């Protein structure tokens, strides 16, 4: 079962400062997340599907966003690209391989 952000704040073991830090001894570091996500990322980026929908929790999506923008894992040491809960982002790549974040964490569908 998921825990609240307040629970996290109350029980965190180590504050994340680098991609190799783990907030809990049995948790993944952000580098671990990156390494787990990378094969999936490569699969969808080489897919011939025109539209792909990805649903995930915020931290893993922030890792995906950095990956999508072509940055290296160590970029997560100095930036985060989080979104709102329920937010929808639209990303694309043109024929030359240039990547775009057309919309990030859009909540307009709620209204």
PDB file of N, CA and C in Angstrom:
ATOM      1  N   UNK A   1       0.837  -1.169   0.000  1.00  0.00           N
ATOM      2  CA  UNK A   1       0.000   0.000   0.000  1.00  0.00           C
ATOM      3  C   UNK A   1       0.887   1.240   0.000  1.00  0.00           C
ATOM      4  N   UNK A   2       0.468   2.269  -0.739  1.00  0.00           N
ATOM      5  CA  UNK A   2       1.228   3.499  -0.818  1.00  0.00           C
ATOM      6  C   UNK A   2       1.207   4.271   0.489  1.00  0.00           C
ATOM      7  N   UNK A   3       2.197   5.080   0.656  1.00  0.00           N
ATOM      8  CA  UNK A   3       2.318   5.920   1.851  1.00  0.00           C
ATOM      9  C   UNK A   3       2.217   7.383   1.428  1.00  0.00           C
ATOM     10  N   UNK A   4       1.835   8.224   2.371  1.00  0.00           N
ATOM     11  CA  UNK A   4       1.694   9.648   2.090  1.00  0.00           C
ATOM     12  C   UNK A   4       3.058  10.330   2.057  1.00  0.00           C
ATOM     13  N   UNK A   5       3.088  11.531   1.518  1.00  0.00           N
ATOM     14  CA  UNK A   5       4.305  12.330   1.510  1.00  0.00           C
ATOM     15  C   UNK A   5       4.706  12.651   2.951  1.00  0.00           C
ATOM     16  N   UNK A   6       3.716  12.876   3.800  1.00  0.00           N
ATOM     17  CA  UNK A   6       4.031  13.149   5.206  1.00  0.00           C
ATOM     18  C   UNK A   6       4.711  11.944   5.855  1.00  0.00           C
ATOM     19  N   UNK A   7       4.232  10.735   5.537  1.00  0.00           N
ATOM     20  CA  UNK A   7       4.872   9.528   6.061  1.00  0.00           C
ATOM     21  C   UNK A   7       6.329   9.491   5.611  1.00  0.00           C
ATOM     22  N   UNK A   8       6.554   9.803   4.347  1.00  0.00           N
ATOM     23  CA  UNK A   8       7.925   9.830   3.816  1.00  0.00           C
ATOM     24  C   UNK A   8       8.782  10.803   4.614  1.00  0.00           C
ATOM     25  N   UNK A   9       8.279  11.996   4.818  1.00  0.00           N
ATOM     26  CA  UNK A   9       9.040  13.015   5.562  1.00  0.00           C
ATOM     27  C   UNK A   9       9.358  12.549   6.984  1.00  0.00           C
ATOM     28  N   UNK A  10       8.418  11.867   7.593  1.00  0.00           N
ATOM     29  CA  UNK A  10       8.589  11.420   8.981  1.00  0.00           C
ATOM     30  C   UNK A  10       9.534  10.227   9.119  1.00  0.00           C
ATOM     31  N   UNK A  11       9.705   9.436   8.049  1.00  0.00           N
ATOM     32  CA  UNK A  11      10.449   8.183   8.160  1.00  0.00           C
ATOM     33  C   UNK A  11      11.699   8.082   7.290  1.00  0.00           C
ATOM     34  N   UNK A  12      11.993   9.096   6.523  1.00  0.00           N
ATOM     35  CA  UNK A  12      13.145   9.036   5.620  1.00  0.00           C
ATOM     36  C   UNK A  12      14.429   8.759   6.411  1.00  0.00           C
ATOM     37  N   UNK A  13      15.264   7.882   5.878  1.00  0.00           N
ATOM     38  CA  UNK A  13      16.521   7.515   6.538  1.00  0.00           C
ATOM     39  C   UNK A  13      17.666   8.418   6.097  1.00  0.00           C
ATOM     40  N   UNK A  14      17.749   8.688   4.799  1.00  0.00           N
ATOM     41  CA  UNK A  14      18.830   9.498   4.239  1.00  0.00           C
ATOM     42  C   UNK A  14      18.230  10.455   3.204  1.00  0.00           C
ATOM     43  N   UNK A  15      18.576  11.710   3.290  1.00  0.00           N
ATOM     44  CA  UNK A  15      18.106  12.688   2.310  1.00  0.00           C
ATOM     45  C   UNK A  15      18.836  12.462   0.993  1.00  0.00           C
ATOM     46  N   UNK A  16      18.108  12.429  -0.109  1.00  0.00           N
ATOM     47  CA  UNK A  16      18.720  12.271  -1.428  1.00  0.00           C
ATOM     48  C   UNK A  16      19.457  13.551  -1.802  1.00  0.00           C
ATOM     49  N   UNK A  17      20.743  13.427  -2.044  1.00  0.00           N
ATOM     50  CA  UNK A  17      21.524  14.569  -2.520  1.00  0.00           C
ATOM     51  C   UNK A  17      22.148  14.274  -3.872  1.00  0.00           C
ATOM     52  N   UNK A  18      22.385  12.982  -4.143  1.00  0.00           N
ATOM     53  CA  UNK A  18      22.954  12.584  -5.432  1.00  0.00           C
ATOM     54  C   UNK A  18      22.118  11.439  -6.007  1.00  0.00           C
ATOM     55  N   UNK A  19      22.369  11.099  -7.241  1.00  0.00           N
ATOM     56  CA  UNK A  19      21.644  10.009  -7.895  1.00  0.00           C
ATOM     57  C   UNK A  19      21.939   8.659  -7.273  1.00  0.00           C
ATOM     58  N   UNK A  20      22.953   8.587  -6.448  1.00  0.00           N
ATOM     59  CA  UNK A  20      23.317   7.311  -5.831  1.00  0.00           C
ATOM     60  C   UNK A  20      22.797   7.149  -4.406  1.00  0.00           C
ATOM     61  N   UNK A  21      22.202   8.193  -3.845  1.00  0.00           N
ATOM     62  CA  UNK A  21      21.646   8.114  -2.493  1.00  0.00           C
ATOM     63  C   UNK A  21      20.329   7.353  -2.497  1.00  0.00           C
ATOM     64  N   UNK A  22      20.080   6.634  -1.411  1.00  0.00           N
ATOM     65  CA  UNK A  22      18.825   5.893  -1.223  1.00  0.00           C
ATOM     66  C   UNK A  22      18.143   6.420   0.024  1.00  0.00           C
ATOM     67  N   UNK A  23      16.893   6.861  -0.109  1.00  0.00           N
ATOM     68  CA  UNK A  23      16.176   7.410   1.037  1.00  0.00           C
ATOM     69  C   UNK A  23      15.913   6.359   2.112  1.00  0.00           C
ATOM     70  N   UNK A  24      15.856   5.095   1.694  1.00  0.00           N
ATOM     71  CA  UNK A  24      15.662   3.961   2.603  1.00  0.00           C
ATOM     72  C   UNK A  24      16.663   2.877   2.217  1.00  0.00           C
ATOM     73  N   UNK A  25      17.114   2.118   3.185  1.00  0.00           N
ATOM     74  CA  UNK A  25      18.139   1.108   2.918  1.00  0.00           C
ATOM     75  C   UNK A  25      17.701   0.075   1.881  1.00  0.00           C
ATOM     76  N   UNK A  26      16.397  -0.198   1.782  1.00  0.00           N
ATOM     77  CA  UNK A  26      15.915  -1.195   0.825  1.00  0.00           C
ATOM     78  C   UNK A  26      15.301  -0.556  -0.425  1.00  0.00           C
ATOM     79  N   UNK A  27      15.551   0.727  -0.640  1.00  0.00           N
ATOM     80  CA  UNK A  27      14.980   1.439  -1.787  1.00  0.00           C
ATOM     81  C   UNK A  27      15.975   1.496  -2.943  1.00  0.00           C
ATOM     82  N   UNK A  28      15.489   1.922  -4.097  1.00  0.00           N
ATOM     83  CA  UNK A  28      16.346   2.168  -5.253  1.00  0.00           C
ATOM     84  C   UNK A  28      16.905   3.580  -5.181  1.00  0.00           C
ATOM     85  N   UNK A  29      18.098   3.755  -5.681  1.00  0.00           N
ATOM     86  CA  UNK A  29      18.611   5.106  -5.912  1.00  0.00           C
ATOM     87  C   UNK A  29      18.033   5.574  -7.245  1.00  0.00           C
ATOM     88  N   UNK A  30      18.193   6.832  -7.539  1.00  0.00           N
ATOM     89  CA  UNK A  30      17.711   7.319  -8.837  1.00  0.00           C
ATOM     90  C   UNK A  30      18.539   6.713  -9.982  1.00  0.00           C
ATOM     91  N   UNK A  31      19.814   6.393  -9.717  1.00  0.00           N
ATOM     92  CA  UNK A  31      20.608   5.698 -10.733  1.00  0.00           C
ATOM     93  C   UNK A  31      20.043   4.294 -10.969  1.00  0.00           C
ATOM     94  N   UNK A  32      19.625   3.623  -9.897  1.00  0.00           N
ATOM     95  CA  UNK A  32      18.985   2.310 -10.030  1.00  0.00           C
ATOM     96  C   UNK A  32      17.717   2.425 -10.881  1.00  0.00           C
ATOM     97  N   UNK A  33      16.920   3.467 -10.603  1.00  0.00           N
ATOM     98  CA  UNK A  33      15.705   3.697 -11.399  1.00  0.00           C
ATOM     99  C   UNK A  33      16.063   3.904 -12.862  1.00  0.00           C
ATOM    100  N   UNK A  34      17.077   4.722 -13.101  1.00  0.00           N
ATOM    101  CA  UNK A  34      17.535   5.008 -14.467  1.00  0.00           C
ATOM    102  C   UNK A  34      17.904   3.703 -15.177  1.00  0.00           C
ATOM    103  N   UNK A  35      18.707   2.891 -14.515  1.00  0.00           N
ATOM    104  CA  UNK A  35      19.158   1.633 -15.127  1.00  0.00           C
ATOM    105  C   UNK A  35      18.007   0.676 -15.386  1.00  0.00           C
ATOM    106  N   UNK A  36      17.005   0.674 -14.512  1.00  0.00           N
ATOM    107  CA  UNK A  36      15.834  -0.181 -14.714  1.00  0.00           C
ATOM    108  C   UNK A  36      14.949   0.350 -15.845  1.00  0.00           C
ATOM    109  N   UNK A  37      14.855   1.664 -15.964  1.00  0.00           N
ATOM    110  CA  UNK A  37      13.994   2.295 -16.962  1.00  0.00           C
ATOM    111  C   UNK A  37      14.606   2.317 -18.363  1.00  0.00           C
ATOM    112  N   UNK A  38      15.934   2.359 -18.447  1.00  0.00           N
ATOM    113  CA  UNK A  38      16.603   2.575 -19.731  1.00  0.00           C
ATOM    114  C   UNK A  38      16.229   1.568 -20.833  1.00  0.00           C
ATOM    115  N   UNK A  39      16.153   0.264 -20.552  1.00  0.00           N
ATOM    116  CA  UNK A  39      15.754  -0.666 -21.619  1.00  0.00           C
ATOM    117  C   UNK A  39      14.333  -0.373 -22.142  1.00  0.00           C
ATOM    118  N   UNK A  40      13.416  -0.038 -21.244  1.00  0.00           N
ATOM    119  CA  UNK A  40      12.054   0.325 -21.653  1.00  0.00           C
ATOM    120  C   UNK A  40      12.083   1.588 -22.504  1.00  0.00           C
ATOM    121  N   UNK A  41      12.842   2.586 -22.073  1.00  0.00           N
ATOM    122  CA  UNK A  41      12.972   3.836 -22.815  1.00  0.00           C
ATOM    123  C   UNK A  41      13.467   3.557 -24.236  1.00  0.00           C
ATOM    124  N   UNK A  42      14.519   2.763 -24.364  1.00  0.00           N
ATOM    125  CA  UNK A  42      15.045   2.430 -25.693  1.00  0.00           C
ATOM    126  C   UNK A  42      14.012   1.706 -26.538  1.00  0.00           C
ATOM    127  N   UNK A  43      13.243   0.820 -25.909  1.00  0.00           N
ATOM    128  CA  UNK A  43      12.214   0.081 -26.636  1.00  0.00           C
ATOM    129  C   UNK A  43      11.151   1.017 -27.205  1.00  0.00           C
ATOM    130  N   UNK A  44      10.675   1.944 -26.395  1.00  0.00           N
ATOM    131  CA  UNK A  44       9.615   2.818 -26.916  1.00  0.00           C
ATOM    132  C   UNK A  44      10.159   3.854 -27.892  1.00  0.00           C
ATOM    133  N   UNK A  45      11.413   4.270 -27.715  1.00  0.00           N
ATOM    134  CA  UNK A  45      11.979   5.262 -28.632  1.00  0.00           C
ATOM    135  C   UNK A  45      12.288   4.657 -29.999  1.00  0.00           C
ATOM    136  N   UNK A  46      12.431   3.353 -30.085  1.00  0.00           N
ATOM    137  CA  UNK A  46      12.666   2.707 -31.372  1.00  0.00           C
ATOM    138  C   UNK A  46      11.396   2.050 -31.919  1.00  0.00           C
ATOM    139  N   UNK A  47      10.299   2.211 -31.187  1.00  0.00           N
ATOM    140  CA  UNK A  47       9.022   1.634 -31.599  1.00  0.00           C
ATOM    141  C   UNK A  47       8.490   2.364 -32.828  1.00  0.00           C
ATOM    142  N   UNK A  48       7.760   1.641 -33.629  1.00  0.00           N
ATOM    143  CA  UNK A  48       7.126   2.239 -34.805  1.00  0.00           C
ATOM    144  C   UNK A  48       5.731   2.770 -34.472  1.00  0.00           C
ATOM    145  N   UNK A  49       5.311   2.601 -33.209  1.00  0.00           N
ATOM    146  CA  UNK A  49       4.005   3.111 -32.799  1.00  0.00           C
ATOM    147  C   UNK A  49       4.010   4.629 -32.825  1.00  0.00           C
ATOM    148  N   UNK A  50       2.921   5.197 -33.335  1.00  0.00           N
ATOM    149  CA  UNK A  50       2.838   6.648 -33.434  1.00  0.00           C
ATOM    150  C   UNK A  50       2.551   7.296 -32.084  1.00  0.00           C
ATOM    151  N   UNK A  51       1.701   6.670 -31.276  1.00  0.00           N
ATOM    152  CA  UNK A  51       1.326   7.219 -29.977  1.00  0.00           C
ATOM    153  C   UNK A  51       1.556   6.175 -28.887  1.00  0.00           C
ATOM    154  N   UNK A  52       2.180   6.610 -27.826  1.00  0.00           N
ATOM    155  CA  UNK A  52       2.444   5.725 -26.692  1.00  0.00           C
ATOM    156  C   UNK A  52       2.008   6.459 -25.436  1.00  0.00           C
ATOM    157  N   UNK A  53       1.285   5.779 -24.562  1.00  0.00           N
ATOM    158  CA  UNK A  53       0.858   6.354 -23.290  1.00  0.00           C
ATOM    159  C   UNK A  53       1.638   5.661 -22.182  1.00  0.00           C
ATOM    160  N   UNK A  54       2.239   6.468 -21.313  1.00  0.00           N
ATOM    161  CA  UNK A  54       3.011   5.953 -20.185  1.00  0.00           C
ATOM    162  C   UNK A  54       2.368   6.471 -18.903  1.00  0.00           C
ATOM    163  N   UNK A  55       2.136   5.579 -17.970  1.00  0.00           N
ATOM    164  CA  UNK A  55       1.583   5.957 -16.670  1.00  0.00           C
ATOM    165  C   UNK A  55       2.556   5.469 -15.605  1.00  0.00           C
ATOM    166  N   UNK A  56       2.921   6.367 -14.692  1.00  0.00           N
ATOM    167  CA  UNK A  56       3.883   6.008 -13.657  1.00  0.00           C
ATOM    168  C   UNK A  56       3.779   6.986 -12.510  1.00  0.00           C
ATOM    169  N   UNK A  57       4.540   6.732 -11.447  1.00  0.00           N
ATOM    170  CA  UNK A  57       4.588   7.691 -10.348  1.00  0.00           C
ATOM    171  C   UNK A  57       5.583   8.795 -10.698  1.00  0.00           C
ATOM    172  N   UNK A  58       5.495   9.881  -9.952  1.00  0.00           N
ATOM    173  CA  UNK A  58       6.223  11.102 -10.280  1.00  0.00           C
ATOM    174  C   UNK A  58       7.726  10.981 -10.359  1.00  0.00           C
ATOM    175  N   UNK A  59       8.358  10.294  -9.413  1.00  0.00           N
ATOM    176  CA  UNK A  59       9.813  10.250  -9.414  1.00  0.00           C
ATOM    177  C   UNK A  59      10.341   9.520 -10.646  1.00  0.00           C
ATOM    178  N   UNK A  60       9.730   8.408 -10.995  1.00  0.00           N
ATOM    179  CA  UNK A  60      10.188   7.674 -12.173  1.00  0.00           C
ATOM    180  C   UNK A  60       9.905   8.467 -13.449  1.00  0.00           C
ATOM    181  N   UNK A  61       8.796   9.199 -13.464  1.00  0.00           N
ATOM    182  CA  UNK A  61       8.525  10.048 -14.626  1.00  0.00           C
ATOM    183  C   UNK A  61       9.545  11.179 -14.734  1.00  0.00           C
ATOM    184  N   UNK A  62      10.012  11.695 -13.611  1.00  0.00           N
ATOM    185  CA  UNK A  62      11.037  12.738 -13.694  1.00  0.00           C
ATOM    186  C   UNK A  62      12.334  12.170 -14.276  1.00  0.00           C
ATOM    187  N   UNK A  63      12.653  10.926 -13.942  1.00  0.00           N
ATOM    188  CA  UNK A  63      13.814  10.259 -14.533  1.00  0.00           C
ATOM    189  C   UNK A  63      13.578  10.089 -16.036  1.00  0.00           C
ATOM    190  N   UNK A  64      12.377   9.665 -16.411  1.00  0.00           N
ATOM    191  CA  UNK A  64      12.038   9.509 -17.826  1.00  0.00           C
ATOM    192  C   UNK A  64      12.173  10.837 -18.561  1.00  0.00           C
ATOM    193  N   UNK A  65      11.680  11.927 -17.969  1.00  0.00           N
ATOM    194  CA  UNK A  65      11.751  13.236 -18.624  1.00  0.00           C
ATOM    195  C   UNK A  65      13.189  13.637 -18.918  1.00  0.00           C
ATOM    196  N   UNK A  66      14.080  13.423 -17.961  1.00  0.00           N
ATOM    197  CA  UNK A  66      15.490  13.746 -18.159  1.00  0.00           C
ATOM    198  C   UNK A  66      16.075  12.874 -19.270  1.00  0.00           C
ATOM    199  N   UNK A  67      15.725  11.599 -19.262  1.00  0.00           N
ATOM    200  CA  UNK A  67      16.178  10.665 -20.288  1.00  0.00           C
ATOM    201  C   UNK A  67      15.680  11.112 -21.665  1.00  0.00           C
ATOM    202  N   UNK A  68      14.391  11.464 -21.736  1.00  0.00           N
ATOM    203  CA  UNK A  68      13.783  11.884 -23.005  1.00  0.00           C
ATOM    204  C   UNK A  68      14.488  13.111 -23.575  1.00  0.00           C
ATOM    205  N   UNK A  69      14.890  14.022 -22.709  1.00  0.00           N
ATOM    206  CA  UNK A  69      15.550  15.240 -23.172  1.00  0.00           C
ATOM    207  C   UNK A  69      17.008  15.007 -23.576  1.00  0.00           C
ATOM    208  N   UNK A  70      17.478  13.772 -23.452  1.00  0.00           N
ATOM    209  CA  UNK A  70      18.822  13.432 -23.910  1.00  0.00           C
ATOM    210  C   UNK A  70      19.920  13.765 -22.925  1.00  0.00           C
ATOM    211  N   UNK A  71      19.549  14.017 -21.675  1.00  0.00           N
ATOM    212  CA  UNK A  71      20.541  14.313 -20.654  1.00  0.00           C
ATOM    213  C   UNK A  71      21.079  13.020 -20.050  1.00  0.00           C
ATOM    214  N   UNK A  72      22.166  13.114 -19.350  1.00  0.00           N
ATOM    215  CA  UNK A  72      22.770  11.957 -18.687  1.00  0.00           C
ATOM    216  C   UNK A  72      22.204  11.813 -17.281  1.00  0.00           C
ATOM    217  N   UNK A  73      22.356  10.641 -16.706  1.00  0.00           N
ATOM    218  CA  UNK A  73      21.815  10.346 -15.381  1.00  0.00           C
ATOM    219  C   UNK A  73      22.313  11.334 -14.333  1.00  0.00           C
ATOM    220  N   UNK A  74      23.549  11.784 -14.437  1.00  0.00           N
ATOM    221  CA  UNK A  74      24.092  12.705 -13.443  1.00  0.00           C
ATOM    222  C   UNK A  74      23.414  14.073 -13.472  1.00  0.00           C
ATOM    223  N   UNK A  75      22.674  14.380 -14.525  1.00  0.00           N
ATOM    224  CA  UNK A  75      21.896  15.622 -14.548  1.00  0.00           C
ATOM    225  C   UNK A  75      20.885  15.649 -13.398  1.00  0.00           C
ATOM    226  N   UNK A  76      20.476  14.470 -12.938  1.00  0.00           N
ATOM    227  CA  UNK A  76      19.530  14.389 -11.823  1.00  0.00           C
ATOM    228  C   UNK A  76      20.145  14.866 -10.507  1.00  0.00           C
ATOM    229  N   UNK A  77      21.455  15.096 -10.486  1.00  0.00           N
ATOM    230  CA  UNK A  77      22.099  15.669  -9.301  1.00  0.00           C
ATOM    231  C   UNK A  77      21.763  17.144  -9.135  1.00  0.00           C
ATOM    232  N   UNK A  78      21.366  17.813 -10.235  1.00  0.00           N
ATOM    233  CA  UNK A  78      21.124  19.254 -10.139  1.00  0.00           C
ATOM    234  C   UNK A  78      19.798  19.710 -10.733  1.00  0.00           C
ATOM    235  N   UNK A  79      18.953  18.773 -11.204  1.00  0.00           N
ATOM    236  CA  UNK A  79      17.644  19.179 -11.694  1.00  0.00           C
ATOM    237  C   UNK A  79      16.622  18.063 -11.531  1.00  0.00           C
ATOM    238  N   UNK A  80      15.366  18.465 -11.445  1.00  0.00           N
ATOM    239  CA  UNK A  80      14.240  17.541 -11.434  1.00  0.00           C
ATOM    240  C   UNK A  80      13.185  18.102 -12.365  1.00  0.00           C
ATOM    241  N   UNK A  81      12.521  17.245 -13.098  1.00  0.00           N
ATOM    242  CA  UNK A  81      11.442  17.671 -13.981  1.00  0.00           C
ATOM    243  C   UNK A  81      10.196  16.898 -13.570  1.00  0.00           C
ATOM    244  N   UNK A  82       9.653  17.276 -12.414  1.00  0.00           N
ATOM    245  CA  UNK A  82       8.457  16.632 -11.877  1.00  0.00           C
ATOM    246  C   UNK A  82       7.221  17.229 -12.514  1.00  0.00           C
ATOM    247  N   UNK A  83       6.095  16.580 -12.282  1.00  0.00           N
ATOM    248  CA  UNK A  83       4.815  17.097 -12.727  1.00  0.00           C
ATOM    249  C   UNK A  83       3.792  16.970 -11.621  1.00  0.00           C
ATOM    250  N   UNK A  84       2.592  17.411 -11.910  1.00  0.00           N
ATOM    251  CA  UNK A  84       1.490  17.322 -10.963  1.00  0.00           C
ATOM    252  C   UNK A  84       0.874  15.929 -11.000  1.00  0.00           C
ATOM    253  N   UNK A  85       0.337  15.488  -9.857  1.00  0.00           N
ATOM    254  CA  UNK A  85      -0.396  14.216  -9.829  1.00  0.00           C
ATOM    255  C   UNK A  85      -1.554  14.313 -10.810  1.00  0.00           C
ATOM    256  N   UNK A  86      -1.640  13.362 -11.707  1.00  0.00           N
ATOM    257  CA  UNK A  86      -2.693  13.367 -12.729  1.00  0.00           C
ATOM    258  C   UNK A  86      -2.366  14.207 -13.942  1.00  0.00           C
ATOM    259  N   UNK A  87      -1.216  14.860 -13.937  1.00  0.00           N
ATOM    260  CA  UNK A  87      -0.838  15.700 -15.069  1.00  0.00           C
ATOM    261  C   UNK A  87      -0.517  14.866 -16.300  1.00  0.00           C
ATOM    262  N   UNK A  88      -0.790  15.437 -17.453  1.00  0.00           N
ATOM    263  CA  UNK A  88      -0.553  14.760 -18.731  1.00  0.00           C
ATOM    264  C   UNK A  88       0.478  15.573 -19.517  1.00  0.00           C
ATOM    265  N   UNK A  89       1.521  14.899 -19.941  1.00  0.00           N
ATOM    266  CA  UNK A  89       2.551  15.553 -20.751  1.00  0.00           C
ATOM    267  C   UNK A  89       2.482  15.026 -22.180  1.00  0.00           C
ATOM    268  N   UNK A  90       2.771  15.893 -23.118  1.00  0.00           N
ATOM    269  CA  UNK A  90       2.811  15.517 -24.527  1.00  0.00           C
ATOM    270  C   UNK A  90       4.230  15.748 -25.018  1.00  0.00           C
ATOM    271  N   UNK A  91       4.836  14.670 -25.499  1.00  0.00           N
ATOM    272  CA  UNK A  91       6.211  14.728 -25.981  1.00  0.00           C
ATOM    273  C   UNK A  91       6.237  14.196 -27.404  1.00  0.00           C
ATOM    274  N   UNK A  92       7.173  14.691 -28.167  1.00  0.00           N
ATOM    275  CA  UNK A  92       7.276  14.202 -29.535  1.00  0.00           C
ATOM    276  C   UNK A  92       8.724  14.267 -29.998  1.00  0.00           C
ATOM    277  N   UNK A  93       8.964  13.603 -31.107  1.00  0.00           N
ATOM    278  CA  UNK A  93      10.278  13.618 -31.744  1.00  0.00           C
ATOM    279  C   UNK A  93      10.047  13.815 -33.232  1.00  0.00           C
ATOM    280  N   UNK A  94      10.758  14.763 -33.832  1.00  0.00           N
ATOM    281  CA  UNK A  94      10.578  14.975 -35.268  1.00  0.00           C
ATOM    282  C   UNK A  94      11.436  14.000 -36.073  1.00  0.00           C
ATOM    283  N   UNK A  95      11.346  14.080 -37.365  1.00  0.00           N
ATOM    284  CA  UNK A  95      12.064  13.166 -38.247  1.00  0.00           C
ATOM    285  C   UNK A  95      13.576  13.258 -38.148  1.00  0.00           C
ATOM    286  N   UNK A  96      14.068  14.378 -37.636  1.00  0.00           N
ATOM    287  CA  UNK A  96      15.512  14.565 -37.466  1.00  0.00           C
ATOM    288  C   UNK A  96      15.998  14.123 -36.087  1.00  0.00           C
ATOM    289  N   UNK A  97      15.085  13.588 -35.271  1.00  0.00           N
ATOM    290  CA  UNK A  97      15.466  13.119 -33.938  1.00  0.00           C
ATOM    291  C   UNK A  97      15.452  14.194 -32.863  1.00  0.00           C
ATOM    292  N   UNK A  98      14.973  15.402 -33.208  1.00  0.00           N
ATOM    293  CA  UNK A  98      14.874  16.468 -32.208  1.00  0.00           C
ATOM    294  C   UNK A  98      13.644  16.211 -31.350  1.00  0.00           C
ATOM    295  N   UNK A  99      13.814  16.271 -30.032  1.00  0.00           N
ATOM    296  CA  UNK A  99      12.739  15.944 -29.098  1.00  0.00           C
ATOM    297  C   UNK A  99      12.108  17.212 -28.530  1.00  0.00           C
ATOM    298  N   UNK A 100      10.804  17.135 -28.329  1.00  0.00           N
ATOM    299  CA  UNK A 100      10.030  18.272 -27.850  1.00  0.00           C
ATOM    300  C   UNK A 100       9.162  17.856 -26.663  1.00  0.00           C
ATOM    301  N   UNK A 101       9.067  18.728 -25.675  1.00  0.00           N
ATOM    302  CA  UNK A 101       8.058  18.597 -24.620  1.00  0.00           C
ATOM    303  C   UNK A 101       6.999  19.628 -24.989  1.00  0.00           C
ATOM    304  N   UNK A 102       5.975  19.177 -25.712  1.00  0.00           N
ATOM    305  CA  UNK A 102       4.951  20.089 -26.213  1.00  0.00           C
ATOM    306  C   UNK A 102       4.072  20.635 -25.082  1.00  0.00           C
ATOM    307  N   UNK A 103       3.768  19.798 -24.126  1.00  0.00           N
ATOM    308  CA  UNK A 103       3.047  20.191 -22.914  1.00  0.00           C
ATOM    309  C   UNK A 103       3.592  19.343 -21.789  1.00  0.00           C
ATOM    310  N   UNK A 104       3.704  19.946 -20.600  1.00  0.00           N
ATOM    311  CA  UNK A 104       4.202  19.198 -19.453  1.00  0.00           C
ATOM    312  C   UNK A 104       3.206  19.307 -18.317  1.00  0.00           C
ATOM    313  N   UNK A 105       2.778  18.155 -17.836  1.00  0.00           N
ATOM    314  CA  UNK A 105       1.934  18.065 -16.654  1.00  0.00           C
ATOM    315  C   UNK A 105       0.645  18.892 -16.781  1.00  0.00           C
ATOM    316  N   UNK A 106       0.020  18.806 -17.931  1.00  0.00           N
ATOM    317  CA  UNK A 106      -1.208  19.544 -18.230  1.00  0.00           C
ATOM    318  C   UNK A 106      -2.384  18.972 -17.434  1.00  0.00           C
ATOM    319  N   UNK A 107      -3.142  19.839 -16.795  1.00  0.00           N
ATOM    320  CA  UNK A 107      -4.319  19.424 -16.018  1.00  0.00           C
ATOM    321  C   UNK A 107      -5.610  19.978 -16.607  1.00  0.00           C
ATOM    322  N   UNK A 108      -5.563  20.521 -17.823  1.00  0.00           N
ATOM    323  CA  UNK A 108      -6.746  21.143 -18.423  1.00  0.00           C
ATOM    324  C   UNK A 108      -7.907  20.174 -18.606  1.00  0.00           C
ATOM    325  N   UNK A 109      -7.629  18.906 -18.745  1.00  0.00           N
ATOM    326  CA  UNK A 109      -8.702  17.935 -18.944  1.00  0.00           C
ATOM    327  C   UNK A 109      -9.642  17.849 -17.727  1.00  0.00           C
ATOM    328  N   UNK A 110      -9.179  18.305 -16.580  1.00  0.00           N
ATOM    329  CA  UNK A 110      -9.994  18.253 -15.358  1.00  0.00           C
ATOM    330  C   UNK A 110     -11.173  19.229 -15.441  1.00  0.00           C
ATOM    331  N   UNK A 111     -10.970  20.384 -16.062  1.00  0.00           N
ATOM    332  CA  UNK A 111     -12.025  21.397 -16.133  1.00  0.00           C
ATOM    333  C   UNK A 111     -13.070  21.034 -17.137  1.00  0.00           C
TER     334      UNK A 111
END
